[in-house]
C-alpha atoms as a PDB file:
ATOM      1  CA  MET A   1      42.787  -0.842  88.680  1.00  0.00           C
ATOM      2  CA  LYS A   2      46.115  -2.551  88.239  1.00  0.00           C
ATOM      3  CA  MET A   3      48.399  -0.556  86.089  1.00  0.00           C
ATOM      4  CA  GLU A   4      49.678  -3.484  84.507  1.00  0.00           C
ATOM      5  CA  LEU A   5      46.287  -3.970  83.254  1.00  0.00           C
ATOM      6  CA  ILE A   6      45.815  -0.522  81.517  1.00  0.00           C
ATOM      7  CA  GLN A   7      49.278   0.569  80.368  1.00  0.00           C
ATOM      8  CA  PRO A   8      49.163  -1.584  77.331  1.00  0.00           C
ATOM      9  CA  PHE A   9      46.082   0.104  76.476  1.00  0.00           C
ATOM     10  CA  ILE A  10      47.689   3.685  77.301  1.00  0.00           C
ATOM     11  CA  ASN A  11      50.841   2.764  74.995  1.00  0.00           C
ATOM     12  CA  ALA A  12      49.123   1.064  71.885  1.00  0.00           C
ATOM     13  CA  ALA A  13      46.167   4.370  72.315  1.00  0.00           C
ATOM     14  CA  ASP A  14      48.919   6.876  72.164  1.00  0.00           C
ATOM     15  CA  ALA A  15      51.177   5.206  69.456  1.00  0.00           C
ATOM     16  CA  VAL A  16      48.242   4.470  66.848  1.00  0.00           C
ATOM     17  CA  ILE A  17      46.938   7.919  67.546  1.00  0.00           C
ATOM     18  CA  ALA A  18      49.802   9.598  67.196  1.00  0.00           C
ATOM     19  CA  ASP A  19      50.607   7.466  63.987  1.00  0.00           C
ATOM     20  CA  MET A  20      47.323   7.961  62.355  1.00  0.00           C
ATOM     21  CA  LEU A  21      47.211  11.669  62.551  1.00  0.00           C
ATOM     22  CA  LYS A  22      50.753  12.495  62.220  1.00  0.00           C
ATOM     23  CA  CYS A  23      51.130  14.426  65.174  1.00  0.00           C
ATOM     24  CA  THR A  24      52.147  14.068  69.156  1.00  0.00           C
ATOM     25  CA  THR A  25      49.816  13.430  71.551  1.00  0.00           C
ATOM     26  CA  SER A  26      49.579  14.133  74.997  1.00  0.00           C
ATOM     27  CA  ILE A  27      47.476  12.951  77.937  1.00  0.00           C
ATOM     28  CA  GLY A  28      44.858  15.259  79.450  1.00  0.00           C
ATOM     29  CA  ASP A  29      42.650  14.323  81.961  1.00  0.00           C
ATOM     30  CA  VAL A  30      42.828  10.702  83.853  1.00  0.00           C
ATOM     31  CA  SER A  31      39.921  10.672  86.172  1.00  0.00           C
ATOM     32  CA  MET A  32      38.168   7.147  87.727  1.00  0.00           C
ATOM     33  CA  ASP A  33      34.538   7.476  86.673  1.00  0.00           C
ATOM     34  CA  GLU A  34      31.665   5.974  88.766  1.00  0.00           C
ATOM     35  CA  ASP A  35      29.079   7.397  86.889  1.00  0.00           C
ATOM     36  CA  SER A  36      27.826   6.074  83.679  1.00  0.00           C
ATOM     37  CA  TYR A  37      29.992   6.779  80.525  1.00  0.00           C
ATOM     38  CA  ARG A  38      28.812   9.782  78.619  1.00  0.00           C
ATOM     39  CA  ARG A  39      29.666   9.316  74.863  1.00  0.00           C
ATOM     40  CA  LYS A  40      31.700  12.704  73.383  1.00  0.00           C
ATOM     41  CA  GLY A  41      31.219  11.462  69.579  1.00  0.00           C
ATOM     42  CA  ALA A  42      31.946   8.750  67.496  1.00  0.00           C
ATOM     43  CA  ALA A  43      32.704   5.662  69.901  1.00  0.00           C
ATOM     44  CA  ALA A  44      33.311   2.386  69.757  1.00  0.00           C
ATOM     45  CA  SER A  45      33.350  -0.535  72.550  1.00  0.00           C
ATOM     46  CA  ILE A  46      35.243  -3.715  72.550  1.00  0.00           C
ATOM     47  CA  ALA A  47      34.077  -6.400  75.346  1.00  0.00           C
ATOM     48  CA  ILE A  48      37.345  -8.970  76.752  1.00  0.00           C
ATOM     49  CA  SER A  49      36.701 -12.114  78.294  1.00  0.00           C
ATOM     50  CA  GLY A  50      39.160 -14.683  80.143  1.00  0.00           C
ATOM     51  CA  ASP A  51      41.769 -14.207  82.495  1.00  0.00           C
ATOM     52  CA  ILE A  52      41.119 -10.310  81.849  1.00  0.00           C
ATOM     53  CA  GLU A  53      37.508  -9.315  81.777  1.00  0.00           C
ATOM     54  CA  GLY A  54      35.729  -5.768  80.950  1.00  0.00           C
ATOM     55  CA  ARG A  55      35.742  -3.522  78.060  1.00  0.00           C
ATOM     56  CA  VAL A  56      37.462  -0.404  76.755  1.00  0.00           C
ATOM     57  CA  ILE A  57      35.618   2.302  74.727  1.00  0.00           C
ATOM     58  CA  PHE A  58      37.106   4.547  72.418  1.00  0.00           C
ATOM     59  CA  ASP A  59      35.549   7.845  71.775  1.00  0.00           C
ATOM     60  CA  MET A  60      36.415  10.739  69.559  1.00  0.00           C
ATOM     61  CA  GLU A  61      35.241  14.182  69.247  1.00  0.00           C
ATOM     62  CA  GLY A  62      33.631  14.761  65.704  1.00  0.00           C
ATOM     63  CA  PRO A  63      36.626  16.695  63.995  1.00  0.00           C
ATOM     64  CA  VAL A  64      39.345  13.909  65.191  1.00  0.00           C
ATOM     65  CA  ALA A  65      37.302  11.083  63.941  1.00  0.00           C
ATOM     66  CA  ALA A  66      36.998  13.042  60.385  1.00  0.00           C
ATOM     67  CA  LYS A  67      40.515  13.488  60.492  1.00  0.00           C
ATOM     68  CA  VAL A  68      41.719   9.946  61.237  1.00  0.00           C
ATOM     69  CA  ALA A  69      38.767   8.734  58.651  1.00  0.00           C
ATOM     70  CA  SER A  70      40.112  10.841  56.056  1.00  0.00           C
ATOM     71  CA  VAL A  71      43.414   9.541  56.176  1.00  0.00           C
ATOM     72  CA  LEU A  72      42.471   5.857  56.220  1.00  0.00           C
ATOM     73  CA  ALA A  73      39.924   6.621  53.256  1.00  0.00           C
ATOM     74  CA  GLY A  74      42.529   8.498  51.424  1.00  0.00           C
ATOM     75  CA  ALA A  75      39.981  11.345  50.606  1.00  0.00           C
ATOM     76  CA  GLU A  76      38.083  14.083  52.779  1.00  0.00           C
ATOM     77  CA  VAL A  77      35.168  12.769  54.861  1.00  0.00           C
ATOM     78  CA  SER A  78      32.745  14.614  56.524  1.00  0.00           C
ATOM     79  CA  GLU A  79      31.967  13.888  60.892  1.00  0.00           C
ATOM     80  CA  SER A  80      28.355  12.602  59.682  1.00  0.00           C
ATOM     81  CA  ASP A  81      29.540  10.009  57.306  1.00  0.00           C
ATOM     82  CA  GLN A  82      29.055   6.332  58.442  1.00  0.00           C
ATOM     83  CA  ILE A  83      32.934   5.884  57.382  1.00  0.00           C
ATOM     84  CA  VAL A  84      33.648   7.699  60.362  1.00  0.00           C
ATOM     85  CA  ARG A  85      31.864   5.434  63.037  1.00  0.00           C
ATOM     86  CA  GLU A  86      33.479   2.578  60.799  1.00  0.00           C
ATOM     87  CA  THR A  87      36.981   4.022  61.497  1.00  0.00           C
ATOM     88  CA  VAL A  88      36.610   4.467  64.990  1.00  0.00           C
ATOM     89  CA  CYS A  89      35.970   0.586  65.020  1.00  0.00           C
ATOM     90  CA  GLU A  90      38.961   0.040  63.124  1.00  0.00           C
ATOM     91  CA  LEU A  91      41.216   2.455  64.972  1.00  0.00           C
ATOM     92  CA  ALA A  92      40.016   0.148  68.400  1.00  0.00           C
ATOM     93  CA  ASN A  93      41.175  -2.955  66.613  1.00  0.00           C
ATOM     94  CA  MET A  94      44.450  -1.414  65.987  1.00  0.00           C
ATOM     95  CA  ILE A  95      44.870   0.036  69.351  1.00  0.00           C
ATOM     96  CA  ILE A  96      43.529  -3.377  71.030  1.00  0.00           C
ATOM     97  CA  GLY A  97      45.813  -5.735  68.948  1.00  0.00           C
ATOM     98  CA  SER A  98      48.789  -3.598  70.073  1.00  0.00           C
ATOM     99  CA  ALA A  99      47.648  -3.739  73.651  1.00  0.00           C
ATOM    100  CA  VAL A 100      46.847  -7.666  73.371  1.00  0.00           C
ATOM    101  CA  THR A 101      50.474  -8.339  72.329  1.00  0.00           C
ATOM    102  CA  SER A 102      51.954  -7.167  75.200  1.00  0.00           C
ATOM    103  CA  LEU A 103      49.240  -8.610  77.605  1.00  0.00           C
ATOM    104  CA  ASN A 104      49.498 -12.007  76.024  1.00  0.00           C
ATOM    105  CA  ASP A 105      53.707 -11.705  76.522  1.00  0.00           C
ATOM    106  CA  GLU A 106      52.821 -11.025  80.200  1.00  0.00           C
ATOM    107  CA  GLY A 107      50.673 -14.386  80.161  1.00  0.00           C
ATOM    108  CA  PHE A 108      47.403 -13.284  80.125  1.00  0.00           C
ATOM    109  CA  ARG A 109      44.996 -15.497  78.037  1.00  0.00           C
ATOM    110  CA  PHE A 110      41.620 -13.940  77.137  1.00  0.00           C
ATOM    111  CA  LYS A 111      39.369 -13.220  74.086  1.00  0.00           C
ATOM    112  CA  ILE A 112      38.825  -9.765  72.339  1.00  0.00           C
ATOM    113  CA  HIS A 113      35.299  -9.208  71.236  1.00  0.00           C
ATOM    114  CA  THR A 114      34.420  -7.396  67.718  1.00  0.00           C
ATOM    115  CA  PRO A 115      34.434  -3.821  68.176  1.00  0.00           C
ATOM    116  CA  GLU A 116      30.865  -2.584  68.340  1.00  0.00           C
ATOM    117  CA  ILE A 117      29.815   0.909  67.306  1.00  0.00           C
ATOM    118  CA  HIS A 118      28.790   2.702  70.650  1.00  0.00           C
ATOM    119  CA  GLU A 119      25.885   4.965  70.002  1.00  0.00           C
ATOM    120  CA  ALA A 120      24.509   5.283  73.288  1.00  0.00           C
ATOM    121  CA  GLU A 121      24.499   8.683  74.840  1.00  0.00           C
ATOM    122  CA  GLN A 122      25.381   6.989  77.842  1.00  0.00           C
ATOM    123  CA  GLY A 123      26.025   3.751  79.425  1.00  0.00           C
ATOM    124  CA  TYR A 124      28.372   1.374  81.287  1.00  0.00           C
ATOM    125  CA  LYS A 125      28.919   1.927  84.860  1.00  0.00           C
ATOM    126  CA  GLY A 126      31.808   0.721  86.864  1.00  0.00           C
ATOM    127  CA  SER A 127      30.752  -1.668  89.741  1.00  0.00           C
ATOM    128  CA  GLU A 128      32.111  -2.470  92.895  1.00  0.00           C
ATOM    129  CA  ASP A 129      34.766  -4.559  91.562  1.00  0.00           C
ATOM    130  CA  THR A 130      35.480  -3.000  88.127  1.00  0.00           C
ATOM    131  CA  GLU A 131      36.637   0.474  88.537  1.00  0.00           C
ATOM    132  CA  ALA A 132      36.312   2.623  84.933  1.00  0.00           C
ATOM    133  CA  LEU A 133      39.269   4.881  84.062  1.00  0.00           C
ATOM    134  CA  VAL A 134      38.758   7.610  81.540  1.00  0.00           C
ATOM    135  CA  MET A 135      41.713   9.477  80.049  1.00  0.00           C
ATOM    136  CA  CYS A 136      41.883  12.111  77.015  1.00  0.00           C
ATOM    137  CA  PHE A 137      44.555  11.943  74.690  1.00  0.00           C
ATOM    138  CA  GLU A 138      45.043  15.610  73.321  1.00  0.00           C
ATOM    139  CA  THR A 139      45.782  15.809  69.581  1.00  0.00           C
ATOM    140  CA  PRO A 140      45.692  19.335  67.359  1.00  0.00           C
ATOM    141  CA  ALA A 141      42.816  17.754  65.949  1.00  0.00           C
ATOM    142  CA  GLY A 142      40.829  17.601  69.283  1.00  0.00           C
ATOM    143  CA  SER A 143      40.356  15.000  71.713  1.00  0.00           C
ATOM    144  CA  VAL A 144      40.446  11.083  71.745  1.00  0.00           C
ATOM    145  CA  PHE A 145      38.836   9.408  75.074  1.00  0.00           C
ATOM    146  CA  MET A 146      39.537   6.255  76.378  1.00  0.00           C
ATOM    147  CA  ASN A 147      37.242   4.456  79.042  1.00  0.00           C
ATOM    148  CA  ILE A 148      38.846   1.134  80.646  1.00  0.00           C
ATOM    149  CA  ALA A 149      36.948  -0.819  82.924  1.00  0.00           C
ATOM    150  CA  MET A 150      38.932  -4.137  83.699  1.00  0.00           C
ATOM    151  CA  ARG A 151      39.581  -6.545  86.312  1.00  0.00           C
ATOM    152  CA  TYR A 152      41.047  -9.918  86.892  1.00  0.00           C
ATOM    153  CA  ASN A 153      38.612 -12.898  86.297  1.00  0.00           C
ATOM    154  CA  ARG A 154      37.816 -14.189  89.675  1.00  0.00           C
ATOM    155  CA  ARG A 155      39.317 -17.676  88.782  1.00  0.00           C
ATOM    156  CA  ARG A 156      42.672 -15.706  87.669  1.00  0.00           C
ATOM    157  CA  LYS A 157      42.675 -13.435  90.634  1.00  0.00           C
ATOM    158  CA  ALA A 158      42.183 -16.495  93.058  1.00  0.00           C
ATOM    159  CA  ASP A 159      45.240 -18.476  91.310  1.00  0.00           C
ATOM    160  CA  SER A 160      47.584 -15.350  91.841  1.00  0.00           C
ATOM    161  CA  ALA A 161      46.492 -15.186  95.428  1.00  0.00           C
ATOM    162  CA  ALA A 162      47.480 -18.738  96.143  1.00  0.00           C
ATOM    163  CA  SER A 163      50.735 -18.165  94.555  1.00  0.00           C
END
């Protein structure tokens, strides 16, 4: 997987999570995942199509998701509240929005689909031509996971090989 495709997502996630939780974050585990992704808490999935194809999953442990939801709602919420799942989708929108700006500045053109709540315990597996990178952002409130499976669209890849 090309770092030029995933670095904007890493930078955006780090900045948005730190801003939402008013804390510093650190990157914990980073791994290439060949198995199906296993959800850890409240998760949102976003599909991407165009010059870049793939999907990004943002997954927050329950306490982290409840804390972010509390910040955005301006009141305490519990991990089981529906607003927690909606908050994960909103956080995903904020992160993707920031990453998209960077990728657009680099000349990539693509469509970002609406975030969806990812409720399956497991799903999405990398493929032969699409590796999945899983990374963990450690915060004082708990862990936030980002699973990125991205590749160049075959047409874009052929265009860049001809140059």
